[in-house]
Amino acid sequence: MTAFETRDLGLTDKNAGCACCSPTSHATATASAQTAPEPMGSRPIVTDYLVEGMTCGHCVRSVTEELSELPGVAEVDVDLNSGGLSRVRVASDAVLDEDQVRAAVEEAGYALAPTS
């Protein structure tokens, strides 16, 4: 597995800011992710979650960092839908406890969307 890299594709208005960060934090923030070695012969379990309230790259980094700290999490991928529900895909070596996932997302300042 590889570590996450963040590249500015020039698609965001750096002067707009958002509720969770200032325009300068986009330029100075660095992405970090933990990677765990994958056991030989096993495939990660991939689970999708919907998260409410994310609006920018800072939001993505906050959720990614909190979820990456959960035991067994190998990778977190966020499909940001600013102003809507963002898809968060988590790869782990075991099934994750949903209460722990919910707590990690809430620690980052967001909420898991209710499942129907």
PDB file of N, CA and C in Angstrom:
ATOM      1  N   MET A   1       0.844  -1.169   0.000  1.00  0.00           N
ATOM      2  CA  MET A   1       0.000   0.000   0.000  1.00  0.00           C
ATOM      3  C   MET A   1       0.894   1.238   0.000  1.00  0.00           C
ATOM      4  N   THR A   2       0.392   2.286  -0.542  1.00  0.00           N
ATOM      5  CA  THR A   2       1.171   3.513  -0.607  1.00  0.00           C
ATOM      6  C   THR A   2       0.568   4.574   0.292  1.00  0.00           C
ATOM      7  N   ALA A   3       1.392   5.521   0.707  1.00  0.00           N
ATOM      8  CA  ALA A   3       0.914   6.641   1.505  1.00  0.00           C
ATOM      9  C   ALA A   3       0.145   7.590   0.595  1.00  0.00           C
ATOM     10  N   PHE A   4      -0.751   8.354   1.182  1.00  0.00           N
ATOM     11  CA  PHE A   4      -1.527   9.322   0.425  1.00  0.00           C
ATOM     12  C   PHE A   4      -0.667  10.518   0.073  1.00  0.00           C
ATOM     13  N   GLU A   5      -0.884  11.066  -1.089  1.00  0.00           N
ATOM     14  CA  GLU A   5      -0.261  12.307  -1.495  1.00  0.00           C
ATOM     15  C   GLU A   5      -1.370  13.256  -1.904  1.00  0.00           C
ATOM     16  N   THR A   6      -1.218  14.515  -1.543  1.00  0.00           N
ATOM     17  CA  THR A   6      -2.195  15.508  -1.916  1.00  0.00           C
ATOM     18  C   THR A   6      -1.576  16.450  -2.920  1.00  0.00           C
ATOM     19  N   ARG A   7      -2.239  16.625  -4.055  1.00  0.00           N
ATOM     20  CA  ARG A   7      -1.782  17.554  -5.079  1.00  0.00           C
ATOM     21  C   ARG A   7      -2.886  18.552  -5.349  1.00  0.00           C
ATOM     22  N   ASP A   8      -2.513  19.822  -5.406  1.00  0.00           N
ATOM     23  CA  ASP A   8      -3.466  20.852  -5.758  1.00  0.00           C
ATOM     24  C   ASP A   8      -3.645  20.838  -7.274  1.00  0.00           C
ATOM     25  N   LEU A   9      -4.856  20.570  -7.724  1.00  0.00           N
ATOM     26  CA  LEU A   9      -5.146  20.512  -9.147  1.00  0.00           C
ATOM     27  C   LEU A   9      -5.673  21.845  -9.662  1.00  0.00           C
ATOM     28  N   GLY A  10      -5.681  22.858  -8.801  1.00  0.00           N
ATOM     29  CA  GLY A  10      -6.150  24.165  -9.208  1.00  0.00           C
ATOM     30  C   GLY A  10      -7.658  24.255  -9.370  1.00  0.00           C
ATOM     31  N   LEU A  11      -8.395  23.338  -8.742  1.00  0.00           N
ATOM     32  CA  LEU A  11      -9.838  23.301  -8.899  1.00  0.00           C
ATOM     33  C   LEU A  11     -10.578  23.984  -7.755  1.00  0.00           C
ATOM     34  N   THR A  12      -9.865  24.399  -6.726  1.00  0.00           N
ATOM     35  CA  THR A  12     -10.513  25.029  -5.590  1.00  0.00           C
ATOM     36  C   THR A  12     -10.122  26.492  -5.505  1.00  0.00           C
ATOM     37  N   ASP A  13     -11.028  27.289  -4.973  1.00  0.00           N
ATOM     38  CA  ASP A  13     -10.781  28.708  -4.774  1.00  0.00           C
ATOM     39  C   ASP A  13     -10.120  28.870  -3.418  1.00  0.00           C
ATOM     40  N   LYS A  14      -8.835  29.104  -3.406  1.00  0.00           N
ATOM     41  CA  LYS A  14      -8.094  29.217  -2.151  1.00  0.00           C
ATOM     42  C   LYS A  14      -8.484  30.459  -1.356  1.00  0.00           C
ATOM     43  N   ASN A  15      -9.166  31.391  -1.969  1.00  0.00           N
ATOM     44  CA  ASN A  15      -9.587  32.597  -1.267  1.00  0.00           C
ATOM     45  C   ASN A  15     -10.954  32.450  -0.625  1.00  0.00           C
ATOM     46  N   ALA A  16     -11.652  31.367  -0.932  1.00  0.00           N
ATOM     47  CA  ALA A  16     -13.003  31.195  -0.423  1.00  0.00           C
ATOM     48  C   ALA A  16     -13.019  30.778   1.038  1.00  0.00           C
ATOM     49  N   GLY A  17     -12.099  29.921   1.449  1.00  0.00           N
ATOM     50  CA  GLY A  17     -12.112  29.433   2.825  1.00  0.00           C
ATOM     51  C   GLY A  17     -13.344  28.581   3.071  1.00  0.00           C
ATOM     52  N   CYS A  18     -13.518  28.143   4.280  1.00  0.00           N
ATOM     53  CA  CYS A  18     -14.710  27.405   4.649  1.00  0.00           C
ATOM     54  C   CYS A  18     -14.876  27.492   6.157  1.00  0.00           C
ATOM     55  N   ALA A  19     -15.860  26.841   6.677  1.00  0.00           N
ATOM     56  CA  ALA A  19     -16.173  26.947   8.090  1.00  0.00           C
ATOM     57  C   ALA A  19     -15.117  26.335   8.993  1.00  0.00           C
ATOM     58  N   CYS A  20     -14.306  25.434   8.475  1.00  0.00           N
ATOM     59  CA  CYS A  20     -13.364  24.729   9.347  1.00  0.00           C
ATOM     60  C   CYS A  20     -11.919  25.171   9.191  1.00  0.00           C
ATOM     61  N   CYS A  21     -11.608  26.031   8.235  1.00  0.00           N
ATOM     62  CA  CYS A  21     -10.215  26.421   8.055  1.00  0.00           C
ATOM     63  C   CYS A  21     -10.107  27.736   7.309  1.00  0.00           C
ATOM     64  N   SER A  22      -8.939  28.321   7.354  1.00  0.00           N
ATOM     65  CA  SER A  22      -8.702  29.569   6.643  1.00  0.00           C
ATOM     66  C   SER A  22      -7.996  29.280   5.334  1.00  0.00           C
ATOM     67  N   PRO A  23      -7.965  30.232   4.403  1.00  0.00           N
ATOM     68  CA  PRO A  23      -7.295  29.996   3.116  1.00  0.00           C
ATOM     69  C   PRO A  23      -5.825  29.634   3.276  1.00  0.00           C
ATOM     70  N   THR A  24      -5.152  30.164   4.291  1.00  0.00           N
ATOM     71  CA  THR A  24      -3.729  29.875   4.439  1.00  0.00           C
ATOM     72  C   THR A  24      -3.473  28.453   4.891  1.00  0.00           C
ATOM     73  N   SER A  25      -4.428  27.831   5.563  1.00  0.00           N
ATOM     74  CA  SER A  25      -4.188  26.467   6.040  1.00  0.00           C
ATOM     75  C   SER A  25      -4.113  25.478   4.887  1.00  0.00           C
ATOM     76  N   HIS A  26      -4.752  25.785   3.740  1.00  0.00           N
ATOM     77  CA  HIS A  26      -4.659  24.895   2.580  1.00  0.00           C
ATOM     78  C   HIS A  26      -3.218  24.815   2.085  1.00  0.00           C
ATOM     79  N   ALA A  27      -2.512  25.925   2.108  1.00  0.00           N
ATOM     80  CA  ALA A  27      -1.151  25.955   1.581  1.00  0.00           C
ATOM     81  C   ALA A  27      -0.146  25.348   2.546  1.00  0.00           C
ATOM     82  N   THR A  28      -0.441  25.401   3.846  1.00  0.00           N
ATOM     83  CA  THR A  28       0.553  24.952   4.818  1.00  0.00           C
ATOM     84  C   THR A  28       0.281  23.569   5.375  1.00  0.00           C
ATOM     85  N   ALA A  29      -0.921  23.066   5.228  1.00  0.00           N
ATOM     86  CA  ALA A  29      -1.255  21.760   5.795  1.00  0.00           C
ATOM     87  C   ALA A  29      -0.593  20.656   4.989  1.00  0.00           C
ATOM     88  N   THR A  30      -0.196  19.609   5.688  1.00  0.00           N
ATOM     89  CA  THR A  30       0.364  18.455   4.993  1.00  0.00           C
ATOM     90  C   THR A  30      -0.486  17.240   5.300  1.00  0.00           C
ATOM     91  N   ALA A  31      -0.612  16.381   4.338  1.00  0.00           N
ATOM     92  CA  ALA A  31      -1.396  15.166   4.518  1.00  0.00           C
ATOM     93  C   ALA A  31      -0.520  14.108   5.166  1.00  0.00           C
ATOM     94  N   SER A  32      -1.137  13.355   6.058  1.00  0.00           N
ATOM     95  CA  SER A  32      -0.411  12.245   6.646  1.00  0.00           C
ATOM     96  C   SER A  32      -1.343  11.051   6.706  1.00  0.00           C
ATOM     97  N   ALA A  33      -0.799   9.915   6.504  1.00  0.00           N
ATOM     98  CA  ALA A  33      -1.572   8.691   6.574  1.00  0.00           C
ATOM     99  C   ALA A  33      -0.663   7.585   7.053  1.00  0.00           C
ATOM    100  N   GLN A  34      -1.249   6.686   7.805  1.00  0.00           N
ATOM    101  CA  GLN A  34      -0.485   5.550   8.273  1.00  0.00           C
ATOM    102  C   GLN A  34      -0.736   4.403   7.318  1.00  0.00           C
ATOM    103  N   THR A  35       0.296   3.643   7.072  1.00  0.00           N
ATOM    104  CA  THR A  35       0.101   2.448   6.275  1.00  0.00           C
ATOM    105  C   THR A  35       0.536   1.255   7.101  1.00  0.00           C
ATOM    106  N   ALA A  36      -0.207   0.212   6.984  1.00  0.00           N
ATOM    107  CA  ALA A  36       0.118  -1.005   7.711  1.00  0.00           C
ATOM    108  C   ALA A  36       0.527  -2.063   6.698  1.00  0.00           C
ATOM    109  N   PRO A  37       1.495  -2.886   7.057  1.00  0.00           N
ATOM    110  CA  PRO A  37       1.873  -3.941   6.130  1.00  0.00           C
ATOM    111  C   PRO A  37       0.714  -4.916   5.950  1.00  0.00           C
ATOM    112  N   GLU A  38       0.517  -5.351   4.737  1.00  0.00           N
ATOM    113  CA  GLU A  38      -0.551  -6.289   4.450  1.00  0.00           C
ATOM    114  C   GLU A  38      -0.039  -7.704   4.644  1.00  0.00           C
ATOM    115  N   PRO A  39      -0.751  -8.520   5.456  1.00  0.00           N
ATOM    116  CA  PRO A  39      -0.320  -9.893   5.641  1.00  0.00           C
ATOM    117  C   PRO A  39      -0.334 -10.638   4.304  1.00  0.00           C
ATOM    118  N   MET A  40       0.613 -11.541   4.143  1.00  0.00           N
ATOM    119  CA  MET A  40       0.709 -12.310   2.909  1.00  0.00           C
ATOM    120  C   MET A  40      -0.571 -13.109   2.713  1.00  0.00           C
ATOM    121  N   GLY A  41      -1.117 -13.053   1.514  1.00  0.00           N
ATOM    122  CA  GLY A  41      -2.266 -13.874   1.172  1.00  0.00           C
ATOM    123  C   GLY A  41      -3.603 -13.339   1.641  1.00  0.00           C
ATOM    124  N   SER A  42      -3.665 -12.193   2.284  1.00  0.00           N
ATOM    125  CA  SER A  42      -4.955 -11.681   2.722  1.00  0.00           C
ATOM    126  C   SER A  42      -5.277 -10.391   1.988  1.00  0.00           C
ATOM    127  N   ARG A  43      -6.537 -10.146   1.832  1.00  0.00           N
ATOM    128  CA  ARG A  43      -6.991  -8.928   1.181  1.00  0.00           C
ATOM    129  C   ARG A  43      -7.692  -8.069   2.222  1.00  0.00           C
ATOM    130  N   PRO A  44      -7.546  -6.762   2.106  1.00  0.00           N
ATOM    131  CA  PRO A  44      -8.213  -5.896   3.085  1.00  0.00           C
ATOM    132  C   PRO A  44      -9.731  -5.930   2.911  1.00  0.00           C
ATOM    133  N   ILE A  45     -10.421  -5.646   3.987  1.00  0.00           N
ATOM    134  CA  ILE A  45     -11.871  -5.504   3.967  1.00  0.00           C
ATOM    135  C   ILE A  45     -12.140  -4.040   3.678  1.00  0.00           C
ATOM    136  N   VAL A  46     -12.928  -3.763   2.663  1.00  0.00           N
ATOM    137  CA  VAL A  46     -13.219  -2.386   2.266  1.00  0.00           C
ATOM    138  C   VAL A  46     -14.667  -2.073   2.622  1.00  0.00           C
ATOM    139  N   THR A  47     -14.854  -0.981   3.379  1.00  0.00           N
ATOM    140  CA  THR A  47     -16.174  -0.569   3.819  1.00  0.00           C
ATOM    141  C   THR A  47     -16.384   0.895   3.452  1.00  0.00           C
ATOM    142  N   ASP A  48     -17.548   1.212   2.913  1.00  0.00           N
ATOM    143  CA  ASP A  48     -17.900   2.590   2.579  1.00  0.00           C
ATOM    144  C   ASP A  48     -18.797   3.177   3.660  1.00  0.00           C
ATOM    145  N   TYR A  49     -18.529   4.437   3.993  1.00  0.00           N
ATOM    146  CA  TYR A  49     -19.345   5.194   4.934  1.00  0.00           C
ATOM    147  C   TYR A  49     -19.722   6.506   4.269  1.00  0.00           C
ATOM    148  N   LEU A  50     -20.838   7.096   4.685  1.00  0.00           N
ATOM    149  CA  LEU A  50     -21.222   8.426   4.226  1.00  0.00           C
ATOM    150  C   LEU A  50     -21.043   9.386   5.394  1.00  0.00           C
ATOM    151  N   VAL A  51     -20.354  10.500   5.134  1.00  0.00           N
ATOM    152  CA  VAL A  51     -20.049  11.475   6.177  1.00  0.00           C
ATOM    153  C   VAL A  51     -20.674  12.815   5.799  1.00  0.00           C
ATOM    154  N   GLU A  52     -21.331  13.438   6.776  1.00  0.00           N
ATOM    155  CA  GLU A  52     -21.974  14.733   6.585  1.00  0.00           C
ATOM    156  C   GLU A  52     -21.061  15.866   7.033  1.00  0.00           C
ATOM    157  N   GLY A  53     -21.134  16.998   6.333  1.00  0.00           N
ATOM    158  CA  GLY A  53     -20.508  18.227   6.799  1.00  0.00           C
ATOM    159  C   GLY A  53     -19.135  18.548   6.259  1.00  0.00           C
ATOM    160  N   MET A  54     -18.554  17.702   5.454  1.00  0.00           N
ATOM    161  CA  MET A  54     -17.218  17.967   4.926  1.00  0.00           C
ATOM    162  C   MET A  54     -17.326  18.928   3.740  1.00  0.00           C
ATOM    163  N   THR A  55     -16.413  19.937   3.705  1.00  0.00           N
ATOM    164  CA  THR A  55     -16.498  20.938   2.644  1.00  0.00           C
ATOM    165  C   THR A  55     -15.189  21.199   1.908  1.00  0.00           C
ATOM    166  N   CYS A  56     -14.052  20.688   2.424  1.00  0.00           N
ATOM    167  CA  CYS A  56     -12.775  21.065   1.799  1.00  0.00           C
ATOM    168  C   CYS A  56     -11.692  20.027   2.098  1.00  0.00           C
ATOM    169  N   GLY A  57     -10.492  20.302   1.605  1.00  0.00           N
ATOM    170  CA  GLY A  57      -9.352  19.418   1.821  1.00  0.00           C
ATOM    171  C   GLY A  57      -8.973  19.275   3.284  1.00  0.00           C
ATOM    172  N   HIS A  58      -9.141  20.335   4.053  1.00  0.00           N
ATOM    173  CA  HIS A  58      -8.845  20.244   5.489  1.00  0.00           C
ATOM    174  C   HIS A  58      -9.781  19.250   6.162  1.00  0.00           C
ATOM    175  N   CYS A  59     -11.050  19.268   5.764  1.00  0.00           N
ATOM    176  CA  CYS A  59     -12.027  18.315   6.288  1.00  0.00           C
ATOM    177  C   CYS A  59     -11.598  16.880   5.961  1.00  0.00           C
ATOM    178  N   VAL A  60     -11.176  16.671   4.731  1.00  0.00           N
ATOM    179  CA  VAL A  60     -10.731  15.348   4.278  1.00  0.00           C
ATOM    180  C   VAL A  60      -9.553  14.886   5.123  1.00  0.00           C
ATOM    181  N   ARG A  61      -8.565  15.754   5.334  1.00  0.00           N
ATOM    182  CA  ARG A  61      -7.391  15.384   6.130  1.00  0.00           C
ATOM    183  C   ARG A  61      -7.766  15.046   7.567  1.00  0.00           C
ATOM    184  N   SER A  62      -8.681  15.825   8.152  1.00  0.00           N
ATOM    185  CA  SER A  62      -9.093  15.574   9.537  1.00  0.00           C
ATOM    186  C   SER A  62      -9.736  14.199   9.689  1.00  0.00           C
ATOM    187  N   VAL A  63     -10.663  13.875   8.797  1.00  0.00           N
ATOM    188  CA  VAL A  63     -11.343  12.577   8.858  1.00  0.00           C
ATOM    189  C   VAL A  63     -10.358  11.451   8.559  1.00  0.00           C
ATOM    190  N   THR A  64      -9.507  11.636   7.572  1.00  0.00           N
ATOM    191  CA  THR A  64      -8.515  10.619   7.209  1.00  0.00           C
ATOM    192  C   THR A  64      -7.582  10.330   8.375  1.00  0.00           C
ATOM    193  N   GLU A  65      -7.094  11.368   9.035  1.00  0.00           N
ATOM    194  CA  GLU A  65      -6.176  11.172  10.168  1.00  0.00           C
ATOM    195  C   GLU A  65      -6.849  10.421  11.307  1.00  0.00           C
ATOM    196  N   GLU A  66      -8.077  10.796  11.652  1.00  0.00           N
ATOM    197  CA  GLU A  66      -8.773  10.120  12.761  1.00  0.00           C
ATOM    198  C   GLU A  66      -9.059   8.657  12.436  1.00  0.00           C
ATOM    199  N   LEU A  67      -9.549   8.387  11.225  1.00  0.00           N
ATOM    200  CA  LEU A  67      -9.847   6.997  10.864  1.00  0.00           C
ATOM    201  C   LEU A  67      -8.579   6.155  10.728  1.00  0.00           C
ATOM    202  N   SER A  68      -7.486   6.762  10.280  1.00  0.00           N
ATOM    203  CA  SER A  68      -6.220   6.032  10.120  1.00  0.00           C
ATOM    204  C   SER A  68      -5.656   5.567  11.446  1.00  0.00           C
ATOM    205  N   GLU A  69      -6.070   6.187  12.535  1.00  0.00           N
ATOM    206  CA  GLU A  69      -5.588   5.798  13.865  1.00  0.00           C
ATOM    207  C   GLU A  69      -6.305   4.580  14.428  1.00  0.00           C
ATOM    208  N   LEU A  70      -7.413   4.177  13.820  1.00  0.00           N
ATOM    209  CA  LEU A  70      -8.121   2.990  14.304  1.00  0.00           C
ATOM    210  C   LEU A  70      -7.285   1.741  14.042  1.00  0.00           C
ATOM    211  N   PRO A  71      -7.284   0.796  14.978  1.00  0.00           N
ATOM    212  CA  PRO A  71      -6.508  -0.431  14.794  1.00  0.00           C
ATOM    213  C   PRO A  71      -6.939  -1.194  13.546  1.00  0.00           C
ATOM    214  N   GLY A  72      -5.961  -1.580  12.739  1.00  0.00           N
ATOM    215  CA  GLY A  72      -6.225  -2.391  11.558  1.00  0.00           C
ATOM    216  C   GLY A  72      -6.498  -1.614  10.283  1.00  0.00           C
ATOM    217  N   VAL A  73      -6.663  -0.295  10.383  1.00  0.00           N
ATOM    218  CA  VAL A  73      -6.954   0.495   9.178  1.00  0.00           C
ATOM    219  C   VAL A  73      -5.682   0.638   8.356  1.00  0.00           C
ATOM    220  N   ALA A  74      -5.767   0.250   7.092  1.00  0.00           N
ATOM    221  CA  ALA A  74      -4.613   0.318   6.197  1.00  0.00           C
ATOM    222  C   ALA A  74      -4.694   1.510   5.263  1.00  0.00           C
ATOM    223  N   GLU A  75      -5.901   1.921   4.896  1.00  0.00           N
ATOM    224  CA  GLU A  75      -6.042   3.010   3.931  1.00  0.00           C
ATOM    225  C   GLU A  75      -7.412   3.660   4.085  1.00  0.00           C
ATOM    226  N   VAL A  76      -7.443   4.981   3.881  1.00  0.00           N
ATOM    227  CA  VAL A  76      -8.691   5.741   3.895  1.00  0.00           C
ATOM    228  C   VAL A  76      -8.721   6.575   2.624  1.00  0.00           C
ATOM    229  N   ASP A  77      -9.846   6.514   1.904  1.00  0.00           N
ATOM    230  CA  ASP A  77     -10.006   7.285   0.675  1.00  0.00           C
ATOM    231  C   ASP A  77     -11.320   8.049   0.774  1.00  0.00           C
ATOM    232  N   VAL A  78     -11.269   9.362   0.534  1.00  0.00           N
ATOM    233  CA  VAL A  78     -12.458  10.195   0.652  1.00  0.00           C
ATOM    234  C   VAL A  78     -12.830  10.757  -0.708  1.00  0.00           C
ATOM    235  N   ASP A  79     -14.101  10.611  -1.072  1.00  0.00           N
ATOM    236  CA  ASP A  79     -14.657  11.238  -2.265  1.00  0.00           C
ATOM    237  C   ASP A  79     -15.490  12.412  -1.764  1.00  0.00           C
ATOM    238  N   LEU A  80     -14.872  13.608  -1.728  1.00  0.00           N
ATOM    239  CA  LEU A  80     -15.492  14.801  -1.161  1.00  0.00           C
ATOM    240  C   LEU A  80     -16.655  15.276  -2.024  1.00  0.00           C
ATOM    241  N   ASN A  81     -17.785  15.487  -1.374  1.00  0.00           N
ATOM    242  CA  ASN A  81     -18.961  16.079  -1.996  1.00  0.00           C
ATOM    243  C   ASN A  81     -19.310  17.286  -1.134  1.00  0.00           C
ATOM    244  N   SER A  82     -18.682  18.414  -1.431  1.00  0.00           N
ATOM    245  CA  SER A  82     -18.831  19.618  -0.618  1.00  0.00           C
ATOM    246  C   SER A  82     -20.297  20.015  -0.497  1.00  0.00           C
ATOM    247  N   GLY A  83     -20.755  20.114   0.745  1.00  0.00           N
ATOM    248  CA  GLY A  83     -22.138  20.496   0.989  1.00  0.00           C
ATOM    249  C   GLY A  83     -23.111  19.336   0.973  1.00  0.00           C
ATOM    250  N   GLY A  84     -22.631  18.140   0.678  1.00  0.00           N
ATOM    251  CA  GLY A  84     -23.497  16.964   0.638  1.00  0.00           C
ATOM    252  C   GLY A  84     -22.882  15.844   1.456  1.00  0.00           C
ATOM    253  N   LEU A  85     -23.218  14.630   1.116  1.00  0.00           N
ATOM    254  CA  LEU A  85     -22.646  13.466   1.781  1.00  0.00           C
ATOM    255  C   LEU A  85     -21.388  13.041   1.035  1.00  0.00           C
ATOM    256  N   SER A  86     -20.295  12.927   1.760  1.00  0.00           N
ATOM    257  CA  SER A  86     -19.032  12.481   1.172  1.00  0.00           C
ATOM    258  C   SER A  86     -18.855  10.996   1.426  1.00  0.00           C
ATOM    259  N   ARG A  87     -18.401  10.263   0.400  1.00  0.00           N
ATOM    260  CA  ARG A  87     -18.133   8.833   0.564  1.00  0.00           C
ATOM    261  C   ARG A  87     -16.743   8.662   1.133  1.00  0.00           C
ATOM    262  N   VAL A  88     -16.648   7.894   2.219  1.00  0.00           N
ATOM    263  CA  VAL A  88     -15.365   7.593   2.841  1.00  0.00           C
ATOM    264  C   VAL A  88     -15.184   6.086   2.768  1.00  0.00           C
ATOM    265  N   ARG A  89     -14.161   5.640   2.048  1.00  0.00           N
ATOM    266  CA  ARG A  89     -13.876   4.221   1.868  1.00  0.00           C
ATOM    267  C   ARG A  89     -12.696   3.858   2.765  1.00  0.00           C
ATOM    268  N   VAL A  90     -12.893   2.860   3.630  1.00  0.00           N
ATOM    269  CA  VAL A  90     -11.865   2.447   4.580  1.00  0.00           C
ATOM    270  C   VAL A  90     -11.473   1.008   4.298  1.00  0.00           C
ATOM    271  N   ALA A  91     -10.173   0.785   4.104  1.00  0.00           N
ATOM    272  CA  ALA A  91      -9.639  -0.570   3.927  1.00  0.00           C
ATOM    273  C   ALA A  91      -8.975  -0.968   5.238  1.00  0.00           C
ATOM    274  N   SER A  92      -9.334  -2.141   5.737  1.00  0.00           N
ATOM    275  CA  SER A  92      -8.794  -2.604   7.017  1.00  0.00           C
ATOM    276  C   SER A  92      -8.556  -4.103   6.967  1.00  0.00           C
ATOM    277  N   ASP A  93      -7.781  -4.582   7.938  1.00  0.00           N
ATOM    278  CA  ASP A  93      -7.476  -6.014   7.954  1.00  0.00           C
ATOM    279  C   ASP A  93      -8.542  -6.835   8.676  1.00  0.00           C
ATOM    280  N   ALA A  94      -9.526  -6.159   9.284  1.00  0.00           N
ATOM    281  CA  ALA A  94     -10.636  -6.834   9.959  1.00  0.00           C
ATOM    282  C   ALA A  94     -11.854  -5.920   9.888  1.00  0.00           C
ATOM    283  N   VAL A  95     -13.017  -6.476  10.169  1.00  0.00           N
ATOM    284  CA  VAL A  95     -14.236  -5.679  10.195  1.00  0.00           C
ATOM    285  C   VAL A  95     -14.105  -4.645  11.308  1.00  0.00           C
ATOM    286  N   LEU A  96     -14.413  -3.389  10.994  1.00  0.00           N
ATOM    287  CA  LEU A  96     -14.307  -2.312  11.974  1.00  0.00           C
ATOM    288  C   LEU A  96     -15.592  -2.196  12.782  1.00  0.00           C
ATOM    289  N   ASP A  97     -15.453  -1.829  14.037  1.00  0.00           N
ATOM    290  CA  ASP A  97     -16.583  -1.574  14.913  1.00  0.00           C
ATOM    291  C   ASP A  97     -17.194  -0.226  14.509  1.00  0.00           C
ATOM    292  N   GLU A  98     -18.466  -0.212  14.138  1.00  0.00           N
ATOM    293  CA  GLU A  98     -19.091   1.019  13.653  1.00  0.00           C
ATOM    294  C   GLU A  98     -19.094   2.118  14.717  1.00  0.00           C
ATOM    295  N   ASP A  99     -19.195   1.742  15.995  1.00  0.00           N
ATOM    296  CA  ASP A  99     -19.144   2.752  17.057  1.00  0.00           C
ATOM    297  C   ASP A  99     -17.781   3.439  17.094  1.00  0.00           C
ATOM    298  N   GLN A 100     -16.713   2.685  16.844  1.00  0.00           N
ATOM    299  CA  GLN A 100     -15.380   3.280  16.802  1.00  0.00           C
ATOM    300  C   GLN A 100     -15.225   4.194  15.587  1.00  0.00           C
ATOM    301  N   VAL A 101     -15.771   3.770  14.456  1.00  0.00           N
ATOM    302  CA  VAL A 101     -15.728   4.600  13.248  1.00  0.00           C
ATOM    303  C   VAL A 101     -16.501   5.887  13.497  1.00  0.00           C
ATOM    304  N   ARG A 102     -17.698   5.769  14.067  1.00  0.00           N
ATOM    305  CA  ARG A 102     -18.524   6.944  14.365  1.00  0.00           C
ATOM    306  C   ARG A 102     -17.783   7.893  15.309  1.00  0.00           C
ATOM    307  N   ALA A 103     -17.155   7.356  16.345  1.00  0.00           N
ATOM    308  CA  ALA A 103     -16.425   8.184  17.306  1.00  0.00           C
ATOM    309  C   ALA A 103     -15.252   8.900  16.640  1.00  0.00           C
ATOM    310  N   ALA A 104     -14.546   8.210  15.739  1.00  0.00           N
ATOM    311  CA  ALA A 104     -13.410   8.828  15.043  1.00  0.00           C
ATOM    312  C   ALA A 104     -13.878   9.959  14.140  1.00  0.00           C
ATOM    313  N   VAL A 105     -14.967   9.747  13.417  1.00  0.00           N
ATOM    314  CA  VAL A 105     -15.511  10.780  12.536  1.00  0.00           C
ATOM    315  C   VAL A 105     -15.984  11.977  13.366  1.00  0.00           C
ATOM    316  N   GLU A 106     -16.634  11.707  14.490  1.00  0.00           N
ATOM    317  CA  GLU A 106     -17.097  12.795  15.358  1.00  0.00           C
ATOM    318  C   GLU A 106     -15.922  13.536  15.985  1.00  0.00           C
ATOM    319  N   GLU A 107     -14.853  12.841  16.308  1.00  0.00           N
ATOM    320  CA  GLU A 107     -13.649  13.476  16.844  1.00  0.00           C
ATOM    321  C   GLU A 107     -13.071  14.465  15.825  1.00  0.00           C
ATOM    322  N   ALA A 108     -13.214  14.145  14.545  1.00  0.00           N
ATOM    323  CA  ALA A 108     -12.739  15.040  13.487  1.00  0.00           C
ATOM    324  C   ALA A 108     -13.694  16.217  13.287  1.00  0.00           C
ATOM    325  N   GLY A 109     -14.893  16.152  13.869  1.00  0.00           N
ATOM    326  CA  GLY A 109     -15.838  17.258  13.778  1.00  0.00           C
ATOM    327  C   GLY A 109     -16.980  17.047  12.807  1.00  0.00           C
ATOM    328  N   TYR A 110     -17.232  15.805  12.414  1.00  0.00           N
ATOM    329  CA  TYR A 110     -18.250  15.513  11.412  1.00  0.00           C
ATOM    330  C   TYR A 110     -19.158  14.397  11.920  1.00  0.00           C
ATOM    331  N   ALA A 111     -20.090  13.957  11.105  1.00  0.00           N
ATOM    332  CA  ALA A 111     -21.034  12.927  11.526  1.00  0.00           C
ATOM    333  C   ALA A 111     -21.223  11.895  10.427  1.00  0.00           C
ATOM    334  N   LEU A 112     -21.346  10.626  10.849  1.00  0.00           N
ATOM    335  CA  LEU A 112     -21.736   9.587   9.904  1.00  0.00           C
ATOM    336  C   LEU A 112     -23.188   9.795   9.549  1.00  0.00           C
ATOM    337  N   ALA A 113     -23.507   9.663   8.283  1.00  0.00           N
ATOM    338  CA  ALA A 113     -24.902   9.770   7.852  1.00  0.00           C
ATOM    339  C   ALA A 113     -25.634   8.514   8.299  1.00  0.00           C
ATOM    340  N   PRO A 114     -26.881   8.672   8.718  1.00  0.00           N
ATOM    341  CA  PRO A 114     -27.641   7.479   9.116  1.00  0.00           C
ATOM    342  C   PRO A 114     -27.843   6.560   7.924  1.00  0.00           C
ATOM    343  N   THR A 115     -27.829   5.268   8.207  1.00  0.00           N
ATOM    344  CA  THR A 115     -28.086   4.287   7.149  1.00  0.00           C
ATOM    345  C   THR A 115     -29.558   3.940   7.164  1.00  0.00           C
ATOM    346  N   SER A 116     -30.104   3.726   5.993  1.00  0.00           N
ATOM    347  CA  SER A 116     -31.553   3.446   5.921  1.00  0.00           C
ATOM    348  C   SER A 116     -31.835   1.992   5.921  1.00  0.00           C
TER     349      SER A 116
END
